Amino acid sequence: MTTQIAVKLPDELVSEIDRLVEGGAFASRSQAIRSGLEAMVAGRHRLEIDRQFHDAAARHPETREDIADATRLAVDAIRDEPWERWW
């Protein structure tokens, strides 16, 4: 399902959108505007996830034991890789 929304845009912005369409970046004005809105919404979602992560990390900070475990697991994972000799 789609919904058509009428918006008013400044002439300068419409000219920029038209240049993008003419340059082949987008097939139409609608596609350009839709793509821009999708990018903005995705960016807002990423910011929300970052905020939630930050809040959770502040509520439950890593302990020395957590860091030691993570380090040990990383070293073990690297050691277990079948590295090819490149020299």
PDB file of N, CA and C in Angstrom:
ATOM      1  N   MET A   1       0.838  -1.174   0.000  1.00  0.00           N
ATOM      2  CA  MET A   1       0.000   0.000   0.000  1.00  0.00           C
ATOM      3  C   MET A   1       0.887   1.242   0.000  1.00  0.00           C
ATOM      4  N   THR A   2       0.506   2.244  -0.703  1.00  0.00           N
ATOM      5  CA  THR A   2       1.223   3.518  -0.715  1.00  0.00           C
ATOM      6  C   THR A   2       0.237   4.646  -0.472  1.00  0.00           C
ATOM      7  N   THR A   3       0.755   5.749   0.014  1.00  0.00           N
ATOM      8  CA  THR A   3      -0.054   6.940   0.259  1.00  0.00           C
ATOM      9  C   THR A   3       0.609   8.107  -0.444  1.00  0.00           C
ATOM     10  N   GLN A   4      -0.167   8.831  -1.182  1.00  0.00           N
ATOM     11  CA  GLN A   4       0.356  10.008  -1.858  1.00  0.00           C
ATOM     12  C   GLN A   4       0.275  11.188  -0.899  1.00  0.00           C
ATOM     13  N   ILE A   5       1.374  11.927  -0.797  1.00  0.00           N
ATOM     14  CA  ILE A   5       1.440  13.080   0.096  1.00  0.00           C
ATOM     15  C   ILE A   5       1.882  14.285  -0.722  1.00  0.00           C
ATOM     16  N   ALA A   6       1.143  15.355  -0.610  1.00  0.00           N
ATOM     17  CA  ALA A   6       1.510  16.586  -1.306  1.00  0.00           C
ATOM     18  C   ALA A   6       2.400  17.415  -0.383  1.00  0.00           C
ATOM     19  N   VAL A   7       3.536  17.837  -0.903  1.00  0.00           N
ATOM     20  CA  VAL A   7       4.438  18.690  -0.127  1.00  0.00           C
ATOM     21  C   VAL A   7       4.851  19.878  -0.989  1.00  0.00           C
ATOM     22  N   LYS A   8       5.148  20.963  -0.331  1.00  0.00           N
ATOM     23  CA  LYS A   8       5.671  22.136  -1.025  1.00  0.00           C
ATOM     24  C   LYS A   8       7.157  22.214  -0.739  1.00  0.00           C
ATOM     25  N   LEU A   9       7.932  22.367  -1.805  1.00  0.00           N
ATOM     26  CA  LEU A   9       9.386  22.439  -1.678  1.00  0.00           C
ATOM     27  C   LEU A   9       9.873  23.737  -2.298  1.00  0.00           C
ATOM     28  N   PRO A  10      10.930  24.296  -1.757  1.00  0.00           N
ATOM     29  CA  PRO A  10      11.506  25.500  -2.355  1.00  0.00           C
ATOM     30  C   PRO A  10      12.012  25.203  -3.769  1.00  0.00           C
ATOM     31  N   ASP A  11      11.909  26.198  -4.629  1.00  0.00           N
ATOM     32  CA  ASP A  11      12.328  26.030  -6.025  1.00  0.00           C
ATOM     33  C   ASP A  11      13.778  25.554  -6.135  1.00  0.00           C
ATOM     34  N   GLU A  12      14.643  26.057  -5.248  1.00  0.00           N
ATOM     35  CA  GLU A  12      16.059  25.671  -5.295  1.00  0.00           C
ATOM     36  C   GLU A  12      16.222  24.171  -5.042  1.00  0.00           C
ATOM     37  N   LEU A  13      15.455  23.625  -4.093  1.00  0.00           N
ATOM     38  CA  LEU A  13      15.535  22.202  -3.789  1.00  0.00           C
ATOM     39  C   LEU A  13      15.004  21.369  -4.956  1.00  0.00           C
ATOM     40  N   VAL A  14      13.917  21.831  -5.565  1.00  0.00           N
ATOM     41  CA  VAL A  14      13.361  21.117  -6.723  1.00  0.00           C
ATOM     42  C   VAL A  14      14.384  21.117  -7.865  1.00  0.00           C
ATOM     43  N   SER A  15      15.080  22.226  -8.044  1.00  0.00           N
ATOM     44  CA  SER A  15      16.111  22.286  -9.095  1.00  0.00           C
ATOM     45  C   SER A  15      17.221  21.276  -8.815  1.00  0.00           C
ATOM     46  N   GLU A  16      17.627  21.152  -7.563  1.00  0.00           N
ATOM     47  CA  GLU A  16      18.655  20.181  -7.205  1.00  0.00           C
ATOM     48  C   GLU A  16      18.166  18.749  -7.448  1.00  0.00           C
ATOM     49  N   ILE A  17      16.929  18.483  -7.089  1.00  0.00           N
ATOM     50  CA  ILE A  17      16.348  17.158  -7.329  1.00  0.00           C
ATOM     51  C   ILE A  17      16.303  16.879  -8.830  1.00  0.00           C
ATOM     52  N   ASP A  18      15.885  17.862  -9.604  1.00  0.00           N
ATOM     53  CA  ASP A  18      15.824  17.698 -11.065  1.00  0.00           C
ATOM     54  C   ASP A  18      17.210  17.410 -11.636  1.00  0.00           C
ATOM     55  N   ARG A  19      18.246  18.074 -11.107  1.00  0.00           N
ATOM     56  CA  ARG A  19      19.605  17.811 -11.571  1.00  0.00           C
ATOM     57  C   ARG A  19      20.016  16.377 -11.274  1.00  0.00           C
ATOM     58  N   LEU A  20      19.636  15.879 -10.102  1.00  0.00           N
ATOM     59  CA  LEU A  20      19.943  14.488  -9.760  1.00  0.00           C
ATOM     60  C   LEU A  20      19.238  13.523 -10.708  1.00  0.00           C
ATOM     61  N   VAL A  21      17.989  13.821 -11.022  1.00  0.00           N
ATOM     62  CA  VAL A  21      17.226  12.966 -11.944  1.00  0.00           C
ATOM     63  C   VAL A  21      17.843  13.032 -13.335  1.00  0.00           C
ATOM     64  N   GLU A  22      18.137  14.231 -13.798  1.00  0.00           N
ATOM     65  CA  GLU A  22      18.728  14.394 -15.128  1.00  0.00           C
ATOM     66  C   GLU A  22      20.096  13.716 -15.215  1.00  0.00           C
ATOM     67  N   GLY A  23      20.826  13.702 -14.094  1.00  0.00           N
ATOM     68  CA  GLY A  23      22.148  13.069 -14.065  1.00  0.00           C
ATOM     69  C   GLY A  23      22.086  11.560 -13.927  1.00  0.00           C
ATOM     70  N   GLY A  24      20.880  11.017 -13.791  1.00  0.00           N
ATOM     71  CA  GLY A  24      20.732   9.572 -13.719  1.00  0.00           C
ATOM     72  C   GLY A  24      20.816   8.979 -12.323  1.00  0.00           C
ATOM     73  N   ALA A  25      20.926   9.835 -11.306  1.00  0.00           N
ATOM     74  CA  ALA A  25      21.006   9.315  -9.939  1.00  0.00           C
ATOM     75  C   ALA A  25      19.678   8.693  -9.504  1.00  0.00           C
ATOM     76  N   PHE A  26      18.594   9.201 -10.038  1.00  0.00           N
ATOM     77  CA  PHE A  26      17.256   8.699  -9.728  1.00  0.00           C
ATOM     78  C   PHE A  26      16.423   8.698 -10.999  1.00  0.00           C
ATOM     79  N   ALA A  27      15.440   7.806 -11.023  1.00  0.00           N
ATOM     80  CA  ALA A  27      14.579   7.702 -12.209  1.00  0.00           C
ATOM     81  C   ALA A  27      13.545   8.821 -12.261  1.00  0.00           C
ATOM     82  N   SER A  28      13.197   9.383 -11.109  1.00  0.00           N
ATOM     83  CA  SER A  28      12.150  10.406 -11.060  1.00  0.00           C
ATOM     84  C   SER A  28      12.302  11.248  -9.800  1.00  0.00           C
ATOM     85  N   ARG A  29      11.566  12.350  -9.760  1.00  0.00           N
ATOM     86  CA  ARG A  29      11.531  13.169  -8.549  1.00  0.00           C
ATOM     87  C   ARG A  29      11.027  12.337  -7.372  1.00  0.00           C
ATOM     88  N   SER A  30       9.980  11.564  -7.618  1.00  0.00           N
ATOM     89  CA  SER A  30       9.397  10.753  -6.542  1.00  0.00           C
ATOM     90  C   SER A  30      10.426   9.798  -5.959  1.00  0.00           C
ATOM     91  N   GLN A  31      11.175   9.139  -6.836  1.00  0.00           N
ATOM     92  CA  GLN A  31      12.181   8.199  -6.353  1.00  0.00           C
ATOM     93  C   GLN A  31      13.252   8.929  -5.551  1.00  0.00           C
ATOM     94  N   ALA A  32      13.661  10.100  -5.993  1.00  0.00           N
ATOM     95  CA  ALA A  32      14.686  10.870  -5.281  1.00  0.00           C
ATOM     96  C   ALA A  32      14.195  11.260  -3.893  1.00  0.00           C
ATOM     97  N   ILE A  33      12.984  11.763  -3.807  1.00  0.00           N
ATOM     98  CA  ILE A  33      12.431  12.187  -2.519  1.00  0.00           C
ATOM     99  C   ILE A  33      12.217  10.987  -1.612  1.00  0.00           C
ATOM    100  N   ARG A  34      11.697   9.903  -2.165  1.00  0.00           N
ATOM    101  CA  ARG A  34      11.477   8.679  -1.374  1.00  0.00           C
ATOM    102  C   ARG A  34      12.810   8.157  -0.828  1.00  0.00           C
ATOM    103  N   SER A  35      13.830   8.155  -1.660  1.00  0.00           N
ATOM    104  CA  SER A  35      15.148   7.683  -1.252  1.00  0.00           C
ATOM    105  C   SER A  35      15.713   8.560  -0.126  1.00  0.00           C
ATOM    106  N   GLY A  36      15.546   9.855  -0.257  1.00  0.00           N
ATOM    107  CA  GLY A  36      16.019  10.763   0.786  1.00  0.00           C
ATOM    108  C   GLY A  36      15.299  10.548   2.105  1.00  0.00           C
ATOM    109  N   LEU A  37      14.000  10.363   2.049  1.00  0.00           N
ATOM    110  CA  LEU A  37      13.230  10.122   3.269  1.00  0.00           C
ATOM    111  C   LEU A  37      13.594   8.781   3.895  1.00  0.00           C
ATOM    112  N   GLU A  38      13.794   7.759   3.063  1.00  0.00           N
ATOM    113  CA  GLU A  38      14.197   6.450   3.591  1.00  0.00           C
ATOM    114  C   GLU A  38      15.550   6.547   4.298  1.00  0.00           C
ATOM    115  N   ALA A  39      16.480   7.304   3.723  1.00  0.00           N
ATOM    116  CA  ALA A  39      17.798   7.472   4.341  1.00  0.00           C
ATOM    117  C   ALA A  39      17.671   8.217   5.668  1.00  0.00           C
ATOM    118  N   MET A  40      16.816   9.226   5.722  1.00  0.00           N
ATOM    119  CA  MET A  40      16.625   9.974   6.951  1.00  0.00           C
ATOM    120  C   MET A  40      16.025   9.093   8.041  1.00  0.00           C
ATOM    121  N   VAL A  41      15.007   8.311   7.690  1.00  0.00           N
ATOM    122  CA  VAL A  41      14.371   7.425   8.667  1.00  0.00           C
ATOM    123  C   VAL A  41      15.367   6.365   9.150  1.00  0.00           C
ATOM    124  N   ALA A  42      16.142   5.795   8.246  1.00  0.00           N
ATOM    125  CA  ALA A  42      17.143   4.795   8.627  1.00  0.00           C
ATOM    126  C   ALA A  42      18.184   5.412   9.560  1.00  0.00           C
ATOM    127  N   GLY A  43      18.590   6.635   9.282  1.00  0.00           N
ATOM    128  CA  GLY A  43      19.542   7.321  10.142  1.00  0.00           C
ATOM    129  C   GLY A  43      18.986   7.548  11.536  1.00  0.00           C
ATOM    130  N   ARG A  44      17.710   7.903  11.620  1.00  0.00           N
ATOM    131  CA  ARG A  44      17.062   8.095  12.926  1.00  0.00           C
ATOM    132  C   ARG A  44      16.981   6.784  13.688  1.00  0.00           C
ATOM    133  N   HIS A  45      16.714   5.690  12.976  1.00  0.00           N
ATOM    134  CA  HIS A  45      16.683   4.375  13.630  1.00  0.00           C
ATOM    135  C   HIS A  45      18.060   4.028  14.192  1.00  0.00           C
ATOM    136  N   ARG A  46      19.118   4.299  13.414  1.00  0.00           N
ATOM    137  CA  ARG A  46      20.467   4.022  13.891  1.00  0.00           C
ATOM    138  C   ARG A  46      20.794   4.851  15.134  1.00  0.00           C
ATOM    139  N   LEU A  47      20.374   6.106  15.138  1.00  0.00           N
ATOM    140  CA  LEU A  47      20.601   6.955  16.309  1.00  0.00           C
ATOM    141  C   LEU A  47      19.868   6.413  17.529  1.00  0.00           C
ATOM    142  N   GLU A  48      18.662   5.924  17.341  1.00  0.00           N
ATOM    143  CA  GLU A  48      17.889   5.359  18.451  1.00  0.00           C
ATOM    144  C   GLU A  48      18.566   4.103  18.996  1.00  0.00           C
ATOM    145  N   ILE A  49      19.050   3.250  18.110  1.00  0.00           N
ATOM    146  CA  ILE A  49      19.762   2.049  18.545  1.00  0.00           C
ATOM    147  C   ILE A  49      21.030   2.443  19.303  1.00  0.00           C
ATOM    148  N   ASP A  50      21.763   3.431  18.797  1.00  0.00           N
ATOM    149  CA  ASP A  50      22.966   3.904  19.487  1.00  0.00           C
ATOM    150  C   ASP A  50      22.621   4.419  20.884  1.00  0.00           C
ATOM    151  N   ARG A  51      21.535   5.170  20.995  1.00  0.00           N
ATOM    152  CA  ARG A  51      21.131   5.707  22.287  1.00  0.00           C
ATOM    153  C   ARG A  51      20.771   4.579  23.246  1.00  0.00           C
ATOM    154  N   GLN A  52      20.034   3.594  22.751  1.00  0.00           N
ATOM    155  CA  GLN A  52      19.661   2.460  23.594  1.00  0.00           C
ATOM    156  C   GLN A  52      20.898   1.683  24.043  1.00  0.00           C
ATOM    157  N   PHE A  53      21.846   1.493  23.134  1.00  0.00           N
ATOM    158  CA  PHE A  53      23.082   0.794  23.480  1.00  0.00           C
ATOM    159  C   PHE A  53      23.849   1.569  24.545  1.00  0.00           C
ATOM    160  N   HIS A  54      23.960   2.873  24.348  1.00  0.00           N
ATOM    161  CA  HIS A  54      24.660   3.721  25.305  1.00  0.00           C
ATOM    162  C   HIS A  54      23.998   3.649  26.680  1.00  0.00           C
ATOM    163  N   ASP A  55      22.683   3.743  26.719  1.00  0.00           N
ATOM    164  CA  ASP A  55      21.951   3.675  27.987  1.00  0.00           C
ATOM    165  C   ASP A  55      22.166   2.326  28.677  1.00  0.00           C
ATOM    166  N   ALA A  56      22.105   1.244  27.912  1.00  0.00           N
ATOM    167  CA  ALA A  56      22.291  -0.091  28.490  1.00  0.00           C
ATOM    168  C   ALA A  56      23.719  -0.255  29.013  1.00  0.00           C
ATOM    169  N   ALA A  57      24.693   0.246  28.257  1.00  0.00           N
ATOM    170  CA  ALA A  57      26.091   0.139  28.692  1.00  0.00           C
ATOM    171  C   ALA A  57      26.319   0.952  29.962  1.00  0.00           C
ATOM    172  N   ALA A  58      25.630   2.080  30.084  1.00  0.00           N
ATOM    173  CA  ALA A  58      25.778   2.894  31.292  1.00  0.00           C
ATOM    174  C   ALA A  58      25.154   2.188  32.503  1.00  0.00           C
ATOM    175  N   ARG A  59      24.061   1.474  32.275  1.00  0.00           N
ATOM    176  CA  ARG A  59      23.396   0.752  33.367  1.00  0.00           C
ATOM    177  C   ARG A  59      24.160  -0.506  33.764  1.00  0.00           C
ATOM    178  N   HIS A  60      24.850  -1.114  32.803  1.00  0.00           N
ATOM    179  CA  HIS A  60      25.555  -2.375  33.040  1.00  0.00           C
ATOM    180  C   HIS A  60      26.980  -2.281  32.484  1.00  0.00           C
ATOM    181  N   PRO A  61      27.845  -1.520  33.149  1.00  0.00           N
ATOM    182  CA  PRO A  61      29.216  -1.363  32.617  1.00  0.00           C
ATOM    183  C   PRO A  61      29.986  -2.681  32.647  1.00  0.00           C
ATOM    184  N   GLU A  62      30.928  -2.804  31.721  1.00  0.00           N
ATOM    185  CA  GLU A  62      31.757  -4.007  31.659  1.00  0.00           C
ATOM    186  C   GLU A  62      32.667  -4.078  32.887  1.00  0.00           C
ATOM    187  N   THR A  63      32.829  -5.277  33.380  1.00  0.00           N
ATOM    188  CA  THR A  63      33.750  -5.491  34.492  1.00  0.00           C
ATOM    189  C   THR A  63      35.108  -5.891  33.939  1.00  0.00           C
ATOM    190  N   ARG A  64      36.115  -5.915  34.803  1.00  0.00           N
ATOM    191  CA  ARG A  64      37.444  -6.381  34.385  1.00  0.00           C
ATOM    192  C   ARG A  64      37.365  -7.830  33.895  1.00  0.00           C
ATOM    193  N   GLU A  65      36.519  -8.619  34.550  1.00  0.00           N
ATOM    194  CA  GLU A  65      36.361 -10.029  34.150  1.00  0.00           C
ATOM    195  C   GLU A  65      35.745 -10.117  32.753  1.00  0.00           C
ATOM    196  N   ASP A  66      34.764  -9.259  32.461  1.00  0.00           N
ATOM    197  CA  ASP A  66      34.152  -9.246  31.128  1.00  0.00           C
ATOM    198  C   ASP A  66      35.201  -8.938  30.058  1.00  0.00           C
ATOM    199  N   ILE A  67      36.022  -7.937  30.327  1.00  0.00           N
ATOM    200  CA  ILE A  67      37.051  -7.537  29.362  1.00  0.00           C
ATOM    201  C   ILE A  67      38.091  -8.636  29.199  1.00  0.00           C
ATOM    202  N   ALA A  68      38.465  -9.258  30.295  1.00  0.00           N
ATOM    203  CA  ALA A  68      39.438 -10.362  30.224  1.00  0.00           C
ATOM    204  C   ALA A  68      38.868 -11.521  29.421  1.00  0.00           C
ATOM    205  N   ASP A  69      37.596 -11.859  29.629  1.00  0.00           N
ATOM    206  CA  ASP A  69      36.955 -12.942  28.865  1.00  0.00           C
ATOM    207  C   ASP A  69      36.904 -12.603  27.380  1.00  0.00           C
ATOM    208  N   ALA A  70      36.535 -11.374  27.057  1.00  0.00           N
ATOM    209  CA  ALA A  70      36.451 -10.957  25.654  1.00  0.00           C
ATOM    210  C   ALA A  70      37.822 -11.014  24.995  1.00  0.00           C
ATOM    211  N   THR A  71      38.835 -10.575  25.712  1.00  0.00           N
ATOM    212  CA  THR A  71      40.205 -10.620  25.187  1.00  0.00           C
ATOM    213  C   THR A  71      40.643 -12.054  24.940  1.00  0.00           C
ATOM    214  N   ARG A  72      40.395 -12.923  25.918  1.00  0.00           N
ATOM    215  CA  ARG A  72      40.764 -14.331  25.781  1.00  0.00           C
ATOM    216  C   ARG A  72      40.059 -14.954  24.574  1.00  0.00           C
ATOM    217  N   LEU A  73      38.765 -14.692  24.425  1.00  0.00           N
ATOM    218  CA  LEU A  73      38.012 -15.260  23.300  1.00  0.00           C
ATOM    219  C   LEU A  73      38.536 -14.741  21.959  1.00  0.00           C
ATOM    220  N   ALA A  74      38.895 -13.453  21.905  1.00  0.00           N
ATOM    221  CA  ALA A  74      39.426 -12.887  20.659  1.00  0.00           C
ATOM    222  C   ALA A  74      40.763 -13.518  20.306  1.00  0.00           C
ATOM    223  N   VAL A  75      41.640 -13.654  21.297  1.00  0.00           N
ATOM    224  CA  VAL A  75      42.954 -14.266  21.054  1.00  0.00           C
ATOM    225  C   VAL A  75      42.781 -15.716  20.615  1.00  0.00           C
ATOM    226  N   ASP A  76      41.889 -16.456  21.276  1.00  0.00           N
ATOM    227  CA  ASP A  76      41.632 -17.849  20.892  1.00  0.00           C
ATOM    228  C   ASP A  76      41.111 -17.942  19.454  1.00  0.00           C
ATOM    229  N   ALA A  77      40.203 -17.036  19.085  1.00  0.00           N
ATOM    230  CA  ALA A  77      39.639 -17.058  17.735  1.00  0.00           C
ATOM    231  C   ALA A  77      40.720 -16.793  16.690  1.00  0.00           C
ATOM    232  N   ILE A  78      41.610 -15.855  16.979  1.00  0.00           N
ATOM    233  CA  ILE A  78      42.704 -15.554  16.048  1.00  0.00           C
ATOM    234  C   ILE A  78      43.664 -16.735  15.974  1.00  0.00           C
ATOM    235  N   ARG A  79      43.975 -17.320  17.109  1.00  0.00           N
ATOM    236  CA  ARG A  79      44.898 -18.457  17.153  1.00  0.00           C
ATOM    237  C   ARG A  79      44.324 -19.653  16.379  1.00  0.00           C
ATOM    238  N   ASP A  80      43.006 -19.826  16.405  1.00  0.00           N
ATOM    239  CA  ASP A  80      42.369 -20.967  15.742  1.00  0.00           C
ATOM    240  C   ASP A  80      42.210 -20.789  14.231  1.00  0.00           C
ATOM    241  N   GLU A  81      42.463 -19.589  13.710  1.00  0.00           N
ATOM    242  CA  GLU A  81      42.336 -19.350  12.269  1.00  0.00           C
ATOM    243  C   GLU A  81      43.419 -20.101  11.509  1.00  0.00           C
ATOM    244  N   PRO A  82      43.063 -20.662  10.353  1.00  0.00           N
ATOM    245  CA  PRO A  82      44.071 -21.372   9.544  1.00  0.00           C
ATOM    246  C   PRO A  82      44.846 -20.381   8.660  1.00  0.00           C
ATOM    247  N   TRP A  83      45.690 -19.585   9.290  1.00  0.00           N
ATOM    248  CA  TRP A  83      46.418 -18.552   8.560  1.00  0.00           C
ATOM    249  C   TRP A  83      47.354 -19.180   7.536  1.00  0.00           C
ATOM    250  N   GLU A  84      47.341 -18.597   6.347  1.00  0.00           N
ATOM    251  CA  GLU A  84      48.279 -19.048   5.329  1.00  0.00           C
ATOM    252  C   GLU A  84      49.536 -18.183   5.416  1.00  0.00           C
ATOM    253  N   ARG A  85      50.648 -18.824   5.227  1.00  0.00           N
ATOM    254  CA  ARG A  85      51.897 -18.068   5.237  1.00  0.00           C
ATOM    255  C   ARG A  85      51.978 -17.259   3.964  1.00  0.00           C
ATOM    256  N   TRP A  86      52.169 -15.955   4.074  1.00  0.00           N
ATOM    257  CA  TRP A  86      52.163 -15.092   2.888  1.00  0.00           C
ATOM    258  C   TRP A  86      53.551 -14.616   2.502  1.00  0.00           C
ATOM    259  N   TRP A  87      54.566 -14.993   3.245  1.00  0.00           N
ATOM    260  CA  TRP A  87      55.905 -14.530   2.898  1.00  0.00           C
ATOM    261  C   TRP A  87      56.766 -15.616   2.367  1.00  0.00           C
TER     262      TRP A  87
END
